Amino acid sequence: MSELTTKIGTYNAETKSVPVTFTSGDIVHKRDVNAVLKDSGAYDKAATAVRVAEVANGVAAKISLGVIAVAPVEGAVEA
């Protein structure tokens, strides 16, 4: 399995989440991750990055088990 990388998008105050793209080789998995908020209710970017890293561990495990895989190409014909 290739190394898993993450790209965190812009915080969405309405959903209190961040869009994250997890990439491992040809596998690209996108999902929203709940953001971490400070006691004041403000977005905590550093703590959210830690949370995303924790979620990435689960994504990596699912990729290694084949639960998350390369999406089939639409319109492709199987041989």
PDB file of N, CA and C in Angstrom:
ATOM      1  N   MET A   1       0.838  -1.180   0.000  1.00  0.00           N
ATOM      2  CA  MET A   1       0.000   0.000   0.000  1.00  0.00           C
ATOM      3  C   MET A   1       0.884   1.243   0.000  1.00  0.00           C
ATOM      4  N   SER A   2       0.487   2.231  -0.788  1.00  0.00           N
ATOM      5  CA  SER A   2       1.203   3.503  -0.830  1.00  0.00           C
ATOM      6  C   SER A   2       0.956   4.286   0.452  1.00  0.00           C
ATOM      7  N   GLU A   3       1.830   5.238   0.693  1.00  0.00           N
ATOM      8  CA  GLU A   3       1.654   6.114   1.853  1.00  0.00           C
ATOM      9  C   GLU A   3       0.352   6.884   1.713  1.00  0.00           C
ATOM     10  N   LEU A   4      -0.357   7.043   2.812  1.00  0.00           N
ATOM     11  CA  LEU A   4      -1.613   7.781   2.819  1.00  0.00           C
ATOM     12  C   LEU A   4      -1.331   9.253   3.090  1.00  0.00           C
ATOM     13  N   THR A   5      -1.842  10.111   2.222  1.00  0.00           N
ATOM     14  CA  THR A   5      -1.706  11.552   2.434  1.00  0.00           C
ATOM     15  C   THR A   5      -3.095  12.134   2.646  1.00  0.00           C
ATOM     16  N   THR A   6      -3.145  13.273   3.322  1.00  0.00           N
ATOM     17  CA  THR A   6      -4.414  13.941   3.559  1.00  0.00           C
ATOM     18  C   THR A   6      -4.327  15.394   3.122  1.00  0.00           C
ATOM     19  N   LYS A   7      -5.452  15.904   2.650  1.00  0.00           N
ATOM     20  CA  LYS A   7      -5.560  17.321   2.326  1.00  0.00           C
ATOM     21  C   LYS A   7      -6.841  17.822   2.979  1.00  0.00           C
ATOM     22  N   ILE A   8      -6.685  18.759   3.906  1.00  0.00           N
ATOM     23  CA  ILE A   8      -7.817  19.299   4.644  1.00  0.00           C
ATOM     24  C   ILE A   8      -8.296  20.571   3.953  1.00  0.00           C
ATOM     25  N   GLY A   9      -9.589  20.624   3.666  1.00  0.00           N
ATOM     26  CA  GLY A   9     -10.179  21.791   3.023  1.00  0.00           C
ATOM     27  C   GLY A   9     -10.583  22.856   4.033  1.00  0.00           C
ATOM     28  N   THR A  10     -11.369  23.803   3.574  1.00  0.00           N
ATOM     29  CA  THR A  10     -11.790  24.949   4.363  1.00  0.00           C
ATOM     30  C   THR A  10     -12.899  24.574   5.340  1.00  0.00           C
ATOM     31  N   TYR A  11     -12.782  25.059   6.555  1.00  0.00           N
ATOM     32  CA  TYR A  11     -13.777  24.825   7.606  1.00  0.00           C
ATOM     33  C   TYR A  11     -15.140  25.364   7.175  1.00  0.00           C
ATOM     34  N   ASN A  12     -16.171  24.541   7.372  1.00  0.00           N
ATOM     35  CA  ASN A  12     -17.543  24.938   7.074  1.00  0.00           C
ATOM     36  C   ASN A  12     -18.249  25.193   8.407  1.00  0.00           C
ATOM     37  N   ALA A  13     -18.504  26.462   8.724  1.00  0.00           N
ATOM     38  CA  ALA A  13     -19.115  26.824  10.011  1.00  0.00           C
ATOM     39  C   ALA A  13     -20.541  26.288  10.136  1.00  0.00           C
ATOM     40  N   GLU A  14     -21.238  26.145   9.013  1.00  0.00           N
ATOM     41  CA  GLU A  14     -22.609  25.654   9.047  1.00  0.00           C
ATOM     42  C   GLU A  14     -22.672  24.189   9.472  1.00  0.00           C
ATOM     43  N   THR A  15     -21.784  23.368   8.907  1.00  0.00           N
ATOM     44  CA  THR A  15     -21.782  21.934   9.228  1.00  0.00           C
ATOM     45  C   THR A  15     -20.790  21.583  10.332  1.00  0.00           C
ATOM     46  N   LYS A  16     -19.963  22.557  10.708  1.00  0.00           N
ATOM     47  CA  LYS A  16     -18.910  22.353  11.718  1.00  0.00           C
ATOM     48  C   LYS A  16     -18.005  21.178  11.341  1.00  0.00           C
ATOM     49  N   SER A  17     -17.620  21.166  10.066  1.00  0.00           N
ATOM     50  CA  SER A  17     -16.772  20.091   9.562  1.00  0.00           C
ATOM     51  C   SER A  17     -15.795  20.639   8.540  1.00  0.00           C
ATOM     52  N   VAL A  18     -14.844  19.783   8.171  1.00  0.00           N
ATOM     53  CA  VAL A  18     -13.883  20.114   7.115  1.00  0.00           C
ATOM     54  C   VAL A  18     -13.913  18.982   6.086  1.00  0.00           C
ATOM     55  N   PRO A  19     -13.856  19.332   4.802  1.00  0.00           N
ATOM     56  CA  PRO A  19     -13.745  18.280   3.796  1.00  0.00           C
ATOM     57  C   PRO A  19     -12.300  17.785   3.760  1.00  0.00           C
ATOM     58  N   VAL A  20     -12.123  16.483   3.685  1.00  0.00           N
ATOM     59  CA  VAL A  20     -10.775  15.912   3.673  1.00  0.00           C
ATOM     60  C   VAL A  20     -10.667  14.943   2.503  1.00  0.00           C
ATOM     61  N   THR A  21      -9.545  15.022   1.796  1.00  0.00           N
ATOM     62  CA  THR A  21      -9.235  14.077   0.735  1.00  0.00           C
ATOM     63  C   THR A  21      -8.084  13.204   1.214  1.00  0.00           C
ATOM     64  N   PHE A  22      -8.322  11.902   1.258  1.00  0.00           N
ATOM     65  CA  PHE A  22      -7.316  10.917   1.644  1.00  0.00           C
ATOM     66  C   PHE A  22      -6.854  10.239   0.351  1.00  0.00           C
ATOM     67  N   THR A  23      -5.544  10.188   0.125  1.00  0.00           N
ATOM     68  CA  THR A  23      -5.018   9.613  -1.104  1.00  0.00           C
ATOM     69  C   THR A  23      -3.940   8.575  -0.785  1.00  0.00           C
ATOM     70  N   SER A  24      -4.071   7.421  -1.421  1.00  0.00           N
ATOM     71  CA  SER A  24      -3.073   6.357  -1.310  1.00  0.00           C
ATOM     72  C   SER A  24      -2.934   5.731  -2.691  1.00  0.00           C
ATOM     73  N   GLY A  25      -1.843   6.061  -3.378  1.00  0.00           N
ATOM     74  CA  GLY A  25      -1.680   5.563  -4.746  1.00  0.00           C
ATOM     75  C   GLY A  25      -2.804   6.055  -5.622  1.00  0.00           C
ATOM     76  N   ASP A  26      -3.532   5.126  -6.265  1.00  0.00           N
ATOM     77  CA  ASP A  26      -4.652   5.475  -7.140  1.00  0.00           C
ATOM     78  C   ASP A  26      -5.967   5.658  -6.376  1.00  0.00           C
ATOM     79  N   ILE A  27      -5.961   5.356  -5.094  1.00  0.00           N
ATOM     80  CA  ILE A  27      -7.185   5.444  -4.301  1.00  0.00           C
ATOM     81  C   ILE A  27      -7.337   6.866  -3.760  1.00  0.00           C
ATOM     82  N   VAL A  28      -8.477   7.471  -4.063  1.00  0.00           N
ATOM     83  CA  VAL A  28      -8.809   8.798  -3.549  1.00  0.00           C
ATOM     84  C   VAL A  28     -10.145   8.673  -2.822  1.00  0.00           C
ATOM     85  N   HIS A  29     -10.129   8.978  -1.528  1.00  0.00           N
ATOM     86  CA  HIS A  29     -11.332   8.866  -0.693  1.00  0.00           C
ATOM     87  C   HIS A  29     -11.612  10.229  -0.088  1.00  0.00           C
ATOM     88  N   LYS A  30     -12.809  10.759  -0.357  1.00  0.00           N
ATOM     89  CA  LYS A  30     -13.173  12.084   0.162  1.00  0.00           C
ATOM     90  C   LYS A  30     -14.307  11.932   1.162  1.00  0.00           C
ATOM     91  N   ARG A  31     -14.193  12.657   2.269  1.00  0.00           N
ATOM     92  CA  ARG A  31     -15.274  12.672   3.262  1.00  0.00           C
ATOM     93  C   ARG A  31     -15.119  13.890   4.153  1.00  0.00           C
ATOM     94  N   ASP A  32     -16.209  14.263   4.800  1.00  0.00           N
ATOM     95  CA  ASP A  32     -16.166  15.339   5.771  1.00  0.00           C
ATOM     96  C   ASP A  32     -15.791  14.759   7.129  1.00  0.00           C
ATOM     97  N   VAL A  33     -15.017  15.532   7.869  1.00  0.00           N
ATOM     98  CA  VAL A  33     -14.611  15.147   9.221  1.00  0.00           C
ATOM     99  C   VAL A  33     -15.091  16.244  10.163  1.00  0.00           C
ATOM    100  N   ASN A  34     -15.702  15.849  11.270  1.00  0.00           N
ATOM    101  CA  ASN A  34     -16.147  16.834  12.249  1.00  0.00           C
ATOM    102  C   ASN A  34     -14.962  17.630  12.754  1.00  0.00           C
ATOM    103  N   ALA A  35     -15.127  18.955  12.781  1.00  0.00           N
ATOM    104  CA  ALA A  35     -14.064  19.826  13.269  1.00  0.00           C
ATOM    105  C   ALA A  35     -14.041  19.835  14.787  1.00  0.00           C
ATOM    106  N   VAL A  36     -12.909  20.214  15.349  1.00  0.00           N
ATOM    107  CA  VAL A  36     -12.777  20.403  16.789  1.00  0.00           C
ATOM    108  C   VAL A  36     -12.949  21.894  17.046  1.00  0.00           C
ATOM    109  N   LEU A  37     -13.768  22.194  18.036  1.00  0.00           N
ATOM    110  CA  LEU A  37     -14.026  23.586  18.377  1.00  0.00           C
ATOM    111  C   LEU A  37     -13.467  23.903  19.759  1.00  0.00           C
ATOM    112  N   LYS A  38     -13.043  25.128  19.927  1.00  0.00           N
ATOM    113  CA  LYS A  38     -12.565  25.597  21.233  1.00  0.00           C
ATOM    114  C   LYS A  38     -13.773  25.829  22.137  1.00  0.00           C
ATOM    115  N   ASP A  39     -13.529  26.023  23.436  1.00  0.00           N
ATOM    116  CA  ASP A  39     -14.614  26.292  24.383  1.00  0.00           C
ATOM    117  C   ASP A  39     -15.444  27.497  23.955  1.00  0.00           C
ATOM    118  N   SER A  40     -14.815  28.437  23.282  1.00  0.00           N
ATOM    119  CA  SER A  40     -15.511  29.644  22.814  1.00  0.00           C
ATOM    120  C   SER A  40     -16.389  29.362  21.590  1.00  0.00           C
ATOM    121  N   GLY A  41     -16.239  28.181  21.003  1.00  0.00           N
ATOM    122  CA  GLY A  41     -16.990  27.827  19.801  1.00  0.00           C
ATOM    123  C   GLY A  41     -16.223  28.089  18.517  1.00  0.00           C
ATOM    124  N   ALA A  42     -15.032  28.670  18.641  1.00  0.00           N
ATOM    125  CA  ALA A  42     -14.203  28.954  17.464  1.00  0.00           C
ATOM    126  C   ALA A  42     -13.551  27.662  16.963  1.00  0.00           C
ATOM    127  N   TYR A  43     -13.305  27.625  15.668  1.00  0.00           N
ATOM    128  CA  TYR A  43     -12.661  26.489  15.016  1.00  0.00           C
ATOM    129  C   TYR A  43     -11.223  26.356  15.512  1.00  0.00           C
ATOM    130  N   ASP A  44     -10.835  25.143  15.919  1.00  0.00           N
ATOM    131  CA  ASP A  44      -9.468  24.862  16.378  1.00  0.00           C
ATOM    132  C   ASP A  44      -8.761  24.071  15.272  1.00  0.00           C
ATOM    133  N   LYS A  45      -8.004  24.807  14.457  1.00  0.00           N
ATOM    134  CA  LYS A  45      -7.356  24.212  13.285  1.00  0.00           C
ATOM    135  C   LYS A  45      -6.358  23.119  13.681  1.00  0.00           C
ATOM    136  N   ALA A  46      -5.539  23.376  14.700  1.00  0.00           N
ATOM    137  CA  ALA A  46      -4.511  22.403  15.106  1.00  0.00           C
ATOM    138  C   ALA A  46      -5.144  21.127  15.654  1.00  0.00           C
ATOM    139  N   ALA A  47      -6.140  21.271  16.501  1.00  0.00           N
ATOM    140  CA  ALA A  47      -6.796  20.094  17.081  1.00  0.00           C
ATOM    141  C   ALA A  47      -7.563  19.318  16.009  1.00  0.00           C
ATOM    142  N   THR A  48      -8.116  20.024  15.024  1.00  0.00           N
ATOM    143  CA  THR A  48      -8.806  19.350  13.931  1.00  0.00           C
ATOM    144  C   THR A  48      -7.824  18.536  13.101  1.00  0.00           C
ATOM    145  N   ALA A  49      -6.619  19.062  12.896  1.00  0.00           N
ATOM    146  CA  ALA A  49      -5.596  18.314  12.154  1.00  0.00           C
ATOM    147  C   ALA A  49      -5.252  17.015  12.875  1.00  0.00           C
ATOM    148  N   VAL A  50      -5.218  17.043  14.210  1.00  0.00           N
ATOM    149  CA  VAL A  50      -4.967  15.828  14.987  1.00  0.00           C
ATOM    150  C   VAL A  50      -6.121  14.844  14.785  1.00  0.00           C
ATOM    151  N   ARG A  51      -7.345  15.367  14.821  1.00  0.00           N
ATOM    152  CA  ARG A  51      -8.518  14.508  14.609  1.00  0.00           C
ATOM    153  C   ARG A  51      -8.484  13.878  13.211  1.00  0.00           C
ATOM    154  N   VAL A  52      -8.115  14.655  12.205  1.00  0.00           N
ATOM    155  CA  VAL A  52      -8.028  14.134  10.838  1.00  0.00           C
ATOM    156  C   VAL A  52      -6.979  13.020  10.769  1.00  0.00           C
ATOM    157  N   ALA A  53      -5.873  13.180  11.477  1.00  0.00           N
ATOM    158  CA  ALA A  53      -4.841  12.139  11.505  1.00  0.00           C
ATOM    159  C   ALA A  53      -5.388  10.847  12.119  1.00  0.00           C
ATOM    160  N   GLU A  54      -6.233  10.982  13.137  1.00  0.00           N
ATOM    161  CA  GLU A  54      -6.847   9.805  13.744  1.00  0.00           C
ATOM    162  C   GLU A  54      -7.797   9.122  12.754  1.00  0.00           C
ATOM    163  N   VAL A  55      -8.593   9.923  12.046  1.00  0.00           N
ATOM    164  CA  VAL A  55      -9.496   9.376  11.040  1.00  0.00           C
ATOM    165  C   VAL A  55      -8.685   8.702   9.930  1.00  0.00           C
ATOM    166  N   ALA A  56      -7.550   9.293   9.576  1.00  0.00           N
ATOM    167  CA  ALA A  56      -6.685   8.732   8.535  1.00  0.00           C
ATOM    168  C   ALA A  56      -6.215   7.328   8.901  1.00  0.00           C
ATOM    169  N   ASN A  57      -5.988   7.068  10.179  1.00  0.00           N
ATOM    170  CA  ASN A  57      -5.601   5.716  10.602  1.00  0.00           C
ATOM    171  C   ASN A  57      -6.690   4.709  10.247  1.00  0.00           C
ATOM    172  N   GLY A  58      -7.939   5.080  10.467  1.00  0.00           N
ATOM    173  CA  GLY A  58      -9.057   4.204  10.117  1.00  0.00           C
ATOM    174  C   GLY A  58      -9.192   4.032   8.614  1.00  0.00           C
ATOM    175  N   VAL A  59      -9.006   5.116   7.872  1.00  0.00           N
ATOM    176  CA  VAL A  59      -9.078   5.047   6.408  1.00  0.00           C
ATOM    177  C   VAL A  59      -7.977   4.124   5.886  1.00  0.00           C
ATOM    178  N   ALA A  60      -6.770   4.250   6.428  1.00  0.00           N
ATOM    179  CA  ALA A  60      -5.653   3.394   6.003  1.00  0.00           C
ATOM    180  C   ALA A  60      -5.975   1.920   6.273  1.00  0.00           C
ATOM    181  N   ALA A  61      -6.567   1.640   7.419  1.00  0.00           N
ATOM    182  CA  ALA A  61      -6.929   0.255   7.739  1.00  0.00           C
ATOM    183  C   ALA A  61      -7.973  -0.269   6.758  1.00  0.00           C
ATOM    184  N   LYS A  62      -8.956   0.563   6.422  1.00  0.00           N
ATOM    185  CA  LYS A  62      -9.992   0.143   5.472  1.00  0.00           C
ATOM    186  C   LYS A  62      -9.422  -0.068   4.075  1.00  0.00           C
ATOM    187  N   ILE A  63      -8.454   0.752   3.687  1.00  0.00           N
ATOM    188  CA  ILE A  63      -7.805   0.570   2.389  1.00  0.00           C
ATOM    189  C   ILE A  63      -7.043  -0.754   2.382  1.00  0.00           C
ATOM    190  N   SER A  64      -6.312  -1.041   3.458  1.00  0.00           N
ATOM    191  CA  SER A  64      -5.525  -2.276   3.507  1.00  0.00           C
ATOM    192  C   SER A  64      -6.411  -3.519   3.492  1.00  0.00           C
ATOM    193  N   LEU A  65      -7.632  -3.397   3.987  1.00  0.00           N
ATOM    194  CA  LEU A  65      -8.577  -4.520   3.979  1.00  0.00           C
ATOM    195  C   LEU A  65      -9.391  -4.597   2.695  1.00  0.00           C
ATOM    196  N   GLY A  66      -9.269  -3.577   1.847  1.00  0.00           N
ATOM    197  CA  GLY A  66     -10.014  -3.564   0.595  1.00  0.00           C
ATOM    198  C   GLY A  66     -11.417  -2.995   0.716  1.00  0.00           C
ATOM    199  N   VAL A  67     -11.760  -2.479   1.897  1.00  0.00           N
ATOM    200  CA  VAL A  67     -13.084  -1.888   2.087  1.00  0.00           C
ATOM    201  C   VAL A  67     -13.202  -0.595   1.288  1.00  0.00           C
ATOM    202  N   ILE A  68     -12.126   0.163   1.250  1.00  0.00           N
ATOM    203  CA  ILE A  68     -12.046   1.358   0.409  1.00  0.00           C
ATOM    204  C   ILE A  68     -11.087   1.012  -0.720  1.00  0.00           C
ATOM    205  N   ALA A  69     -11.551   1.164  -1.954  1.00  0.00           N
ATOM    206  CA  ALA A  69     -10.731   0.793  -3.114  1.00  0.00           C
ATOM    207  C   ALA A  69     -10.914   1.830  -4.220  1.00  0.00           C
ATOM    208  N   VAL A  70     -10.214   1.630  -5.303  1.00  0.00           N
ATOM    209  CA  VAL A  70     -10.342   2.513  -6.456  1.00  0.00           C
ATOM    210  C   VAL A  70     -11.766   2.381  -6.990  1.00  0.00           C
ATOM    211  N   ALA A  71     -12.418   3.519  -7.196  1.00  0.00           N
ATOM    212  CA  ALA A  71     -13.778   3.500  -7.727  1.00  0.00           C
ATOM    213  C   ALA A  71     -13.749   3.037  -9.176  1.00  0.00           C
ATOM    214  N   PRO A  72     -14.727   2.219  -9.562  1.00  0.00           N
ATOM    215  CA  PRO A  72     -14.772   1.783 -10.958  1.00  0.00           C
ATOM    216  C   PRO A  72     -15.021   2.972 -11.879  1.00  0.00           C
ATOM    217  N   VAL A  73     -14.469   2.913 -13.057  1.00  0.00           N
ATOM    218  CA  VAL A  73     -14.638   3.975 -14.044  1.00  0.00           C
ATOM    219  C   VAL A  73     -16.029   3.842 -14.647  1.00  0.00           C
ATOM    220  N   GLU A  74     -16.779   4.933 -14.623  1.00  0.00           N
ATOM    221  CA  GLU A  74     -18.138   4.920 -15.164  1.00  0.00           C
ATOM    222  C   GLU A  74     -18.099   4.635 -16.658  1.00  0.00           C
ATOM    223  N   GLY A  75     -18.929   3.722 -17.093  1.00  0.00           N
ATOM    224  CA  GLY A  75     -19.009   3.384 -18.507  1.00  0.00           C
ATOM    225  C   GLY A  75     -17.970   2.360 -18.946  1.00  0.00           C
ATOM    226  N   ALA A  76     -17.107   1.913 -18.034  1.00  0.00           N
ATOM    227  CA  ALA A  76     -16.088   0.927 -18.388  1.00  0.00           C
ATOM    228  C   ALA A  76     -16.745  -0.430 -18.585  1.00  0.00           C
ATOM    229  N   VAL A  77     -16.233  -1.183 -19.510  1.00  0.00           N
ATOM    230  CA  VAL A  77     -16.743  -2.512 -19.816  1.00  0.00           C
ATOM    231  C   VAL A  77     -15.759  -3.528 -19.257  1.00  0.00           C
ATOM    232  N   GLU A  78     -16.291  -4.474 -18.451  1.00  0.00           N
ATOM    233  CA  GLU A  78     -15.420  -5.509 -17.912  1.00  0.00           C
ATOM    234  C   GLU A  78     -15.118  -6.537 -18.985  1.00  0.00           C
ATOM    235  N   ALA A  79     -13.915  -7.086 -18.948  1.00  0.00           N
ATOM    236  CA  ALA A  79     -13.501  -8.085 -19.945  1.00  0.00           C
ATOM    237  C   ALA A  79     -14.054  -9.442 -19.608  1.00  0.00           C
TER     238      ALA A  79
END
